[in-house]
Amino acid sequence: MVVNALVKDIINPLIGLIVQTKNLDSLTFTISKATFHYGNLISVIMSFVSILAVVYIFFKVMKLEKLDLPDEDEGK
């Protein structure tokens, strides 16, 4: 929920400044009778990347990536 709010209220307006629109969900293009809402896709990707960054930083700070490595002293 926090990530969605961050993306919706902070990141999307910043991207909107670049592409000159207030609402990314309004970004669409049409081919024949099919309408593609690529603005919504951008929002979902930003949410995913934000969550991915938080999980990555959490693992690095907690040093959890070293849990599955054998100790050097055990092999001797």
PDB file of N, CA and C in Angstrom:
ATOM      1  N   MET A   1       0.807  -1.185   0.000  1.00  0.00           N
ATOM      2  CA  MET A   1       0.000   0.000   0.000  1.00  0.00           C
ATOM      3  C   MET A   1       0.860   1.263   0.000  1.00  0.00           C
ATOM      4  N   VAL A   2       1.908   1.230   0.791  1.00  0.00           N
ATOM      5  CA  VAL A   2       2.805   2.379   0.857  1.00  0.00           C
ATOM      6  C   VAL A   2       3.514   2.564  -0.478  1.00  0.00           C
ATOM      7  N   VAL A   3       3.933   1.450  -1.072  1.00  0.00           N
ATOM      8  CA  VAL A   3       4.629   1.531  -2.360  1.00  0.00           C
ATOM      9  C   VAL A   3       3.691   2.069  -3.436  1.00  0.00           C
ATOM     10  N   ASN A   4       2.444   1.601  -3.436  1.00  0.00           N
ATOM     11  CA  ASN A   4       1.480   2.102  -4.419  1.00  0.00           C
ATOM     12  C   ASN A   4       1.255   3.599  -4.260  1.00  0.00           C
ATOM     13  N   ALA A   5       1.177   4.064  -3.026  1.00  0.00           N
ATOM     14  CA  ALA A   5       0.997   5.493  -2.782  1.00  0.00           C
ATOM     15  C   ALA A   5       2.225   6.276  -3.241  1.00  0.00           C
ATOM     16  N   LEU A   6       3.405   5.744  -2.967  1.00  0.00           N
ATOM     17  CA  LEU A   6       4.635   6.404  -3.404  1.00  0.00           C
ATOM     18  C   LEU A   6       4.677   6.530  -4.920  1.00  0.00           C
ATOM     19  N   VAL A   7       4.364   5.448  -5.597  1.00  0.00           N
ATOM     20  CA  VAL A   7       4.391   5.474  -7.059  1.00  0.00           C
ATOM     21  C   VAL A   7       3.308   6.397  -7.595  1.00  0.00           C
ATOM     22  N   LYS A   8       2.099   6.283  -7.056  1.00  0.00           N
ATOM     23  CA  LYS A   8       0.969   7.070  -7.561  1.00  0.00           C
ATOM     24  C   LYS A   8       1.130   8.564  -7.282  1.00  0.00           C
ATOM     25  N   ASP A   9       1.618   8.916  -6.091  1.00  0.00           N
ATOM     26  CA  ASP A   9       1.641  10.321  -5.683  1.00  0.00           C
ATOM     27  C   ASP A   9       2.971  11.034  -5.922  1.00  0.00           C
ATOM     28  N   ILE A  10       4.051  10.303  -6.058  1.00  0.00           N
ATOM     29  CA  ILE A  10       5.363  10.939  -6.214  1.00  0.00           C
ATOM     30  C   ILE A  10       5.990  10.616  -7.576  1.00  0.00           C
ATOM     31  N   ILE A  11       6.154   9.340  -7.865  1.00  0.00           N
ATOM     32  CA  ILE A  11       6.893   8.943  -9.060  1.00  0.00           C
ATOM     33  C   ILE A  11       6.103   9.234 -10.335  1.00  0.00           C
ATOM     34  N   ASN A  12       4.814   8.871 -10.359  1.00  0.00           N
ATOM     35  CA  ASN A  12       4.016   9.113 -11.560  1.00  0.00           C
ATOM     36  C   ASN A  12       3.930  10.592 -11.941  1.00  0.00           C
ATOM     37  N   PRO A  13       3.722  11.504 -11.000  1.00  0.00           N
ATOM     38  CA  PRO A  13       3.734  12.924 -11.407  1.00  0.00           C
ATOM     39  C   PRO A  13       5.085  13.386 -11.958  1.00  0.00           C
ATOM     40  N   LEU A  14       6.181  12.826 -11.423  1.00  0.00           N
ATOM     41  CA  LEU A  14       7.490  13.183 -11.971  1.00  0.00           C
ATOM     42  C   LEU A  14       7.648  12.682 -13.398  1.00  0.00           C
ATOM     43  N   ILE A  15       7.200  11.464 -13.659  1.00  0.00           N
ATOM     44  CA  ILE A  15       7.236  10.940 -15.022  1.00  0.00           C
ATOM     45  C   ILE A  15       6.268  11.734 -15.894  1.00  0.00           C
ATOM     46  N   GLY A  16       5.133  12.130 -15.328  1.00  0.00           N
ATOM     47  CA  GLY A  16       4.165  12.929 -16.051  1.00  0.00           C
ATOM     48  C   GLY A  16       4.727  14.267 -16.512  1.00  0.00           C
ATOM     49  N   LEU A  17       5.635  14.832 -15.725  1.00  0.00           N
ATOM     50  CA  LEU A  17       6.290  16.079 -16.146  1.00  0.00           C
ATOM     51  C   LEU A  17       7.129  15.864 -17.403  1.00  0.00           C
ATOM     52  N   ILE A  18       7.749  14.696 -17.471  1.00  0.00           N
ATOM     53  CA  ILE A  18       8.603  14.402 -18.617  1.00  0.00           C
ATOM     54  C   ILE A  18       7.770  14.191 -19.880  1.00  0.00           C
ATOM     55  N   VAL A  19       6.666  13.450 -19.746  1.00  0.00           N
ATOM     56  CA  VAL A  19       5.847  13.134 -20.932  1.00  0.00           C
ATOM     57  C   VAL A  19       4.698  14.113 -21.125  1.00  0.00           C
ATOM     58  N   GLN A  20       4.658  15.171 -20.345  1.00  0.00           N
ATOM     59  CA  GLN A  20       3.677  16.252 -20.481  1.00  0.00           C
ATOM     60  C   GLN A  20       2.228  15.799 -20.287  1.00  0.00           C
ATOM     61  N   THR A  21       1.960  15.032 -19.230  1.00  0.00           N
ATOM     62  CA  THR A  21       0.594  14.646 -18.898  1.00  0.00           C
ATOM     63  C   THR A  21       0.450  14.617 -17.385  1.00  0.00           C
ATOM     64  N   LYS A  22      -0.768  14.840 -16.899  1.00  0.00           N
ATOM     65  CA  LYS A  22      -1.004  14.823 -15.454  1.00  0.00           C
ATOM     66  C   LYS A  22      -1.246  13.422 -14.935  1.00  0.00           C
ATOM     67  N   ASN A  23      -1.799  12.556 -15.776  1.00  0.00           N
ATOM     68  CA  ASN A  23      -2.179  11.224 -15.343  1.00  0.00           C
ATOM     69  C   ASN A  23      -1.572  10.193 -16.295  1.00  0.00           C
ATOM     70  N   LEU A  24      -0.693   9.349 -15.774  1.00  0.00           N
ATOM     71  CA  LEU A  24      -0.073   8.345 -16.630  1.00  0.00           C
ATOM     72  C   LEU A  24      -1.077   7.328 -17.149  1.00  0.00           C
ATOM     73  N   ASP A  25      -2.144   7.086 -16.399  1.00  0.00           N
ATOM     74  CA  ASP A  25      -3.138   6.114 -16.843  1.00  0.00           C
ATOM     75  C   ASP A  25      -3.834   6.553 -18.131  1.00  0.00           C
ATOM     76  N   SER A  26      -3.739   7.814 -18.452  1.00  0.00           N
ATOM     77  CA  SER A  26      -4.373   8.300 -19.681  1.00  0.00           C
ATOM     78  C   SER A  26      -3.494   8.088 -20.912  1.00  0.00           C
ATOM     79  N   LEU A  27      -2.266   7.611 -20.729  1.00  0.00           N
ATOM     80  CA  LEU A  27      -1.388   7.377 -21.877  1.00  0.00           C
ATOM     81  C   LEU A  27      -1.804   6.094 -22.588  1.00  0.00           C
ATOM     82  N   THR A  28      -2.261   6.230 -23.804  1.00  0.00           N
ATOM     83  CA  THR A  28      -2.724   5.086 -24.584  1.00  0.00           C
ATOM     84  C   THR A  28      -2.337   5.271 -26.039  1.00  0.00           C
ATOM     85  N   PHE A  29      -2.386   4.173 -26.768  1.00  0.00           N
ATOM     86  CA  PHE A  29      -2.328   4.239 -28.216  1.00  0.00           C
ATOM     87  C   PHE A  29      -3.257   3.171 -28.772  1.00  0.00           C
ATOM     88  N   THR A  30      -3.735   3.404 -29.974  1.00  0.00           N
ATOM     89  CA  THR A  30      -4.722   2.514 -30.567  1.00  0.00           C
ATOM     90  C   THR A  30      -4.206   1.974 -31.896  1.00  0.00           C
ATOM     91  N   ILE A  31      -4.363   0.676 -32.055  1.00  0.00           N
ATOM     92  CA  ILE A  31      -4.078   0.026 -33.328  1.00  0.00           C
ATOM     93  C   ILE A  31      -5.361  -0.684 -33.734  1.00  0.00           C
ATOM     94  N   SER A  32      -5.890  -0.287 -34.840  1.00  0.00           N
ATOM     95  CA  SER A  32      -7.175  -0.796 -35.322  1.00  0.00           C
ATOM     96  C   SER A  32      -8.226  -0.499 -34.263  1.00  0.00           C
ATOM     97  N   LYS A  33      -8.820  -1.518 -33.654  1.00  0.00           N
ATOM     98  CA  LYS A  33      -9.821  -1.284 -32.615  1.00  0.00           C
ATOM     99  C   LYS A  33      -9.289  -1.610 -31.223  1.00  0.00           C
ATOM    100  N   ALA A  34      -8.023  -1.986 -31.127  1.00  0.00           N
ATOM    101  CA  ALA A  34      -7.419  -2.343 -29.843  1.00  0.00           C
ATOM    102  C   ALA A  34      -6.741  -1.117 -29.235  1.00  0.00           C
ATOM    103  N   THR A  35      -7.031  -0.865 -27.967  1.00  0.00           N
ATOM    104  CA  THR A  35      -6.424   0.255 -27.245  1.00  0.00           C
ATOM    105  C   THR A  35      -5.451  -0.292 -26.212  1.00  0.00           C
ATOM    106  N   PHE A  36      -4.240   0.225 -26.222  1.00  0.00           N
ATOM    107  CA  PHE A  36      -3.193  -0.213 -25.313  1.00  0.00           C
ATOM    108  C   PHE A  36      -2.927   0.897 -24.300  1.00  0.00           C
ATOM    109  N   HIS A  37      -3.041   0.579 -23.018  1.00  0.00           N
ATOM    110  CA  HIS A  37      -2.836   1.537 -21.932  1.00  0.00           C
ATOM    111  C   HIS A  37      -1.418   1.352 -21.381  1.00  0.00           C
ATOM    112  N   TYR A  38      -0.456   1.926 -22.038  1.00  0.00           N
ATOM    113  CA  TYR A  38       0.922   1.751 -21.606  1.00  0.00           C
ATOM    114  C   TYR A  38       1.271   2.602 -20.395  1.00  0.00           C
ATOM    115  N   GLY A  39       0.503   3.604 -20.085  1.00  0.00           N
ATOM    116  CA  GLY A  39       0.737   4.409 -18.878  1.00  0.00           C
ATOM    117  C   GLY A  39       0.534   3.588 -17.624  1.00  0.00           C
ATOM    118  N   ASN A  40      -0.479   2.747 -17.625  1.00  0.00           N
ATOM    119  CA  ASN A  40      -0.724   1.857 -16.495  1.00  0.00           C
ATOM    120  C   ASN A  40       0.423   0.865 -16.353  1.00  0.00           C
ATOM    121  N   LEU A  41       0.954   0.366 -17.454  1.00  0.00           N
ATOM    122  CA  LEU A  41       2.096  -0.546 -17.412  1.00  0.00           C
ATOM    123  C   LEU A  41       3.309   0.135 -16.778  1.00  0.00           C
ATOM    124  N   ILE A  42       3.532   1.387 -17.112  1.00  0.00           N
ATOM    125  CA  ILE A  42       4.648   2.134 -16.514  1.00  0.00           C
ATOM    126  C   ILE A  42       4.465   2.226 -15.004  1.00  0.00           C
ATOM    127  N   SER A  43       3.247   2.468 -14.526  1.00  0.00           N
ATOM    128  CA  SER A  43       2.972   2.546 -13.100  1.00  0.00           C
ATOM    129  C   SER A  43       3.241   1.225 -12.409  1.00  0.00           C
ATOM    130  N   VAL A  44       2.820   0.136 -13.013  1.00  0.00           N
ATOM    131  CA  VAL A  44       3.030  -1.190 -12.424  1.00  0.00           C
ATOM    132  C   VAL A  44       4.516  -1.532 -12.385  1.00  0.00           C
ATOM    133  N   ILE A  45       5.240  -1.191 -13.432  1.00  0.00           N
ATOM    134  CA  ILE A  45       6.685  -1.447 -13.455  1.00  0.00           C
ATOM    135  C   ILE A  45       7.384  -0.629 -12.375  1.00  0.00           C
ATOM    136  N   MET A  46       6.983   0.615 -12.178  1.00  0.00           N
ATOM    137  CA  MET A  46       7.583   1.445 -11.128  1.00  0.00           C
ATOM    138  C   MET A  46       7.305   0.849  -9.737  1.00  0.00           C
ATOM    139  N   SER A  47       6.109   0.330  -9.525  1.00  0.00           N
ATOM    140  CA  SER A  47       5.790  -0.320  -8.248  1.00  0.00           C
ATOM    141  C   SER A  47       6.676  -1.543  -8.032  1.00  0.00           C
ATOM    142  N   PHE A  48       6.827  -2.348  -9.081  1.00  0.00           N
ATOM    143  CA  PHE A  48       7.654  -3.549  -8.989  1.00  0.00           C
ATOM    144  C   PHE A  48       9.101  -3.196  -8.684  1.00  0.00           C
ATOM    145  N   VAL A  49       9.644  -2.218  -9.380  1.00  0.00           N
ATOM    146  CA  VAL A  49      11.041  -1.821  -9.162  1.00  0.00           C
ATOM    147  C   VAL A  49      11.228  -1.257  -7.754  1.00  0.00           C
ATOM    148  N   SER A  50      10.252  -0.523  -7.248  1.00  0.00           N
ATOM    149  CA  SER A  50      10.344   0.026  -5.890  1.00  0.00           C
ATOM    150  C   SER A  50      10.368  -1.092  -4.859  1.00  0.00           C
ATOM    151  N   ILE A  51       9.484  -2.075  -5.003  1.00  0.00           N
ATOM    152  CA  ILE A  51       9.451  -3.204  -4.076  1.00  0.00           C
ATOM    153  C   ILE A  51      10.742  -4.008  -4.188  1.00  0.00           C
ATOM    154  N   LEU A  52      11.215  -4.218  -5.402  1.00  0.00           N
ATOM    155  CA  LEU A  52      12.458  -4.942  -5.617  1.00  0.00           C
ATOM    156  C   LEU A  52      13.633  -4.243  -4.939  1.00  0.00           C
ATOM    157  N   ALA A  53      13.693  -2.934  -5.029  1.00  0.00           N
ATOM    158  CA  ALA A  53      14.777  -2.178  -4.399  1.00  0.00           C
ATOM    159  C   ALA A  53      14.732  -2.307  -2.879  1.00  0.00           C
ATOM    160  N   VAL A  54      13.543  -2.256  -2.297  1.00  0.00           N
ATOM    161  CA  VAL A  54      13.425  -2.381  -0.837  1.00  0.00           C
ATOM    162  C   VAL A  54      13.866  -3.763  -0.377  1.00  0.00           C
ATOM    163  N   VAL A  55      13.446  -4.800  -1.079  1.00  0.00           N
ATOM    164  CA  VAL A  55      13.839  -6.163  -0.703  1.00  0.00           C
ATOM    165  C   VAL A  55      15.342  -6.338  -0.860  1.00  0.00           C
ATOM    166  N   TYR A  56      15.923  -5.841  -1.938  1.00  0.00           N
ATOM    167  CA  TYR A  56      17.360  -5.944  -2.163  1.00  0.00           C
ATOM    168  C   TYR A  56      18.147  -5.240  -1.054  1.00  0.00           C
ATOM    169  N   ILE A  57      17.754  -4.031  -0.723  1.00  0.00           N
ATOM    170  CA  ILE A  57      18.437  -3.278   0.336  1.00  0.00           C
ATOM    171  C   ILE A  57      18.293  -3.996   1.671  1.00  0.00           C
ATOM    172  N   PHE A  58      17.112  -4.551   1.954  1.00  0.00           N
ATOM    173  CA  PHE A  58      16.905  -5.298   3.196  1.00  0.00           C
ATOM    174  C   PHE A  58      17.868  -6.480   3.278  1.00  0.00           C
ATOM    175  N   PHE A  59      18.008  -7.247   2.192  1.00  0.00           N
ATOM    176  CA  PHE A  59      18.916  -8.386   2.195  1.00  0.00           C
ATOM    177  C   PHE A  59      20.357  -7.952   2.369  1.00  0.00           C
ATOM    178  N   LYS A  60      20.746  -6.853   1.747  1.00  0.00           N
ATOM    179  CA  LYS A  60      22.119  -6.373   1.871  1.00  0.00           C
ATOM    180  C   LYS A  60      22.411  -5.868   3.288  1.00  0.00           C
ATOM    181  N   VAL A  61      21.479  -5.129   3.877  1.00  0.00           N
ATOM    182  CA  VAL A  61      21.684  -4.576   5.219  1.00  0.00           C
ATOM    183  C   VAL A  61      21.739  -5.695   6.257  1.00  0.00           C
ATOM    184  N   MET A  62      20.865  -6.685   6.125  1.00  0.00           N
ATOM    185  CA  MET A  62      20.809  -7.788   7.082  1.00  0.00           C
ATOM    186  C   MET A  62      21.854  -8.865   6.789  1.00  0.00           C
ATOM    187  N   LYS A  63      22.599  -8.717   5.696  1.00  0.00           N
ATOM    188  CA  LYS A  63      23.620  -9.679   5.262  1.00  0.00           C
ATOM    189  C   LYS A  63      23.056 -11.087   5.131  1.00  0.00           C
ATOM    190  N   LEU A  64      21.851 -11.188   4.605  1.00  0.00           N
ATOM    191  CA  LEU A  64      21.184 -12.475   4.449  1.00  0.00           C
ATOM    192  C   LEU A  64      21.708 -13.265   3.258  1.00  0.00           C
ATOM    193  N   GLU A  65      22.409 -12.628   2.339  1.00  0.00           N
ATOM    194  CA  GLU A  65      22.921 -13.355   1.186  1.00  0.00           C
ATOM    195  C   GLU A  65      24.044 -14.313   1.568  1.00  0.00           C
ATOM    196  N   LYS A  66      24.630 -14.152   2.747  1.00  0.00           N
ATOM    197  CA  LYS A  66      25.745 -15.002   3.183  1.00  0.00           C
ATOM    198  C   LYS A  66      25.282 -16.178   4.033  1.00  0.00           C
ATOM    199  N   LEU A  67      23.998 -16.335   4.263  1.00  0.00           N
ATOM    200  CA  LEU A  67      23.504 -17.421   5.104  1.00  0.00           C
ATOM    201  C   LEU A  67      23.728 -18.793   4.491  1.00  0.00           C
ATOM    202  N   ASP A  68      23.665 -18.914   3.192  1.00  0.00           N
ATOM    203  CA  ASP A  68      23.785 -20.230   2.571  1.00  0.00           C
ATOM    204  C   ASP A  68      25.220 -20.598   2.210  1.00  0.00           C
ATOM    205  N   LEU A  69      26.178 -19.727   2.449  1.00  0.00           N
ATOM    206  CA  LEU A  69      27.572 -20.027   2.157  1.00  0.00           C
ATOM    207  C   LEU A  69      28.191 -20.815   3.304  1.00  0.00           C
ATOM    208  N   PRO A  70      28.957 -21.872   2.984  1.00  0.00           N
ATOM    209  CA  PRO A  70      29.608 -22.631   4.062  1.00  0.00           C
ATOM    210  C   PRO A  70      30.743 -21.811   4.673  1.00  0.00           C
ATOM    211  N   ASP A  71      30.969 -22.033   5.956  1.00  0.00           N
ATOM    212  CA  ASP A  71      32.082 -21.360   6.620  1.00  0.00           C
ATOM    213  C   ASP A  71      33.407 -21.912   6.085  1.00  0.00           C
ATOM    214  N   GLU A  72      34.426 -21.069   6.050  1.00  0.00           N
ATOM    215  CA  GLU A  72      35.736 -21.504   5.537  1.00  0.00           C
ATOM    216  C   GLU A  72      36.409 -22.483   6.487  1.00  0.00           C
ATOM    217  N   ASP A  73      36.117 -22.389   7.784  1.00  0.00           N
ATOM    218  CA  ASP A  73      36.752 -23.267   8.773  1.00  0.00           C
ATOM    219  C   ASP A  73      36.163 -24.673   8.752  1.00  0.00           C
ATOM    220  N   GLU A  74      34.948 -24.876   8.270  1.00  0.00           N
ATOM    221  CA  GLU A  74      34.301 -26.177   8.286  1.00  0.00           C
ATOM    222  C   GLU A  74      34.959 -27.160   7.320  1.00  0.00           C
ATOM    223  N   GLY A  75      35.513 -26.680   6.246  1.00  0.00           N
ATOM    224  CA  GLY A  75      36.110 -27.551   5.237  1.00  0.00           C
ATOM    225  C   GLY A  75      37.484 -28.073   5.622  1.00  0.00           C
ATOM    226  N   LYS A  76      38.089 -27.581   6.666  1.00  0.00           N
ATOM    227  CA  LYS A  76      39.469 -27.976   7.049  1.00  0.00           C
ATOM    228  C   LYS A  76      39.479 -29.028   8.112  1.00  0.00           C
TER     229      LYS A  76
END
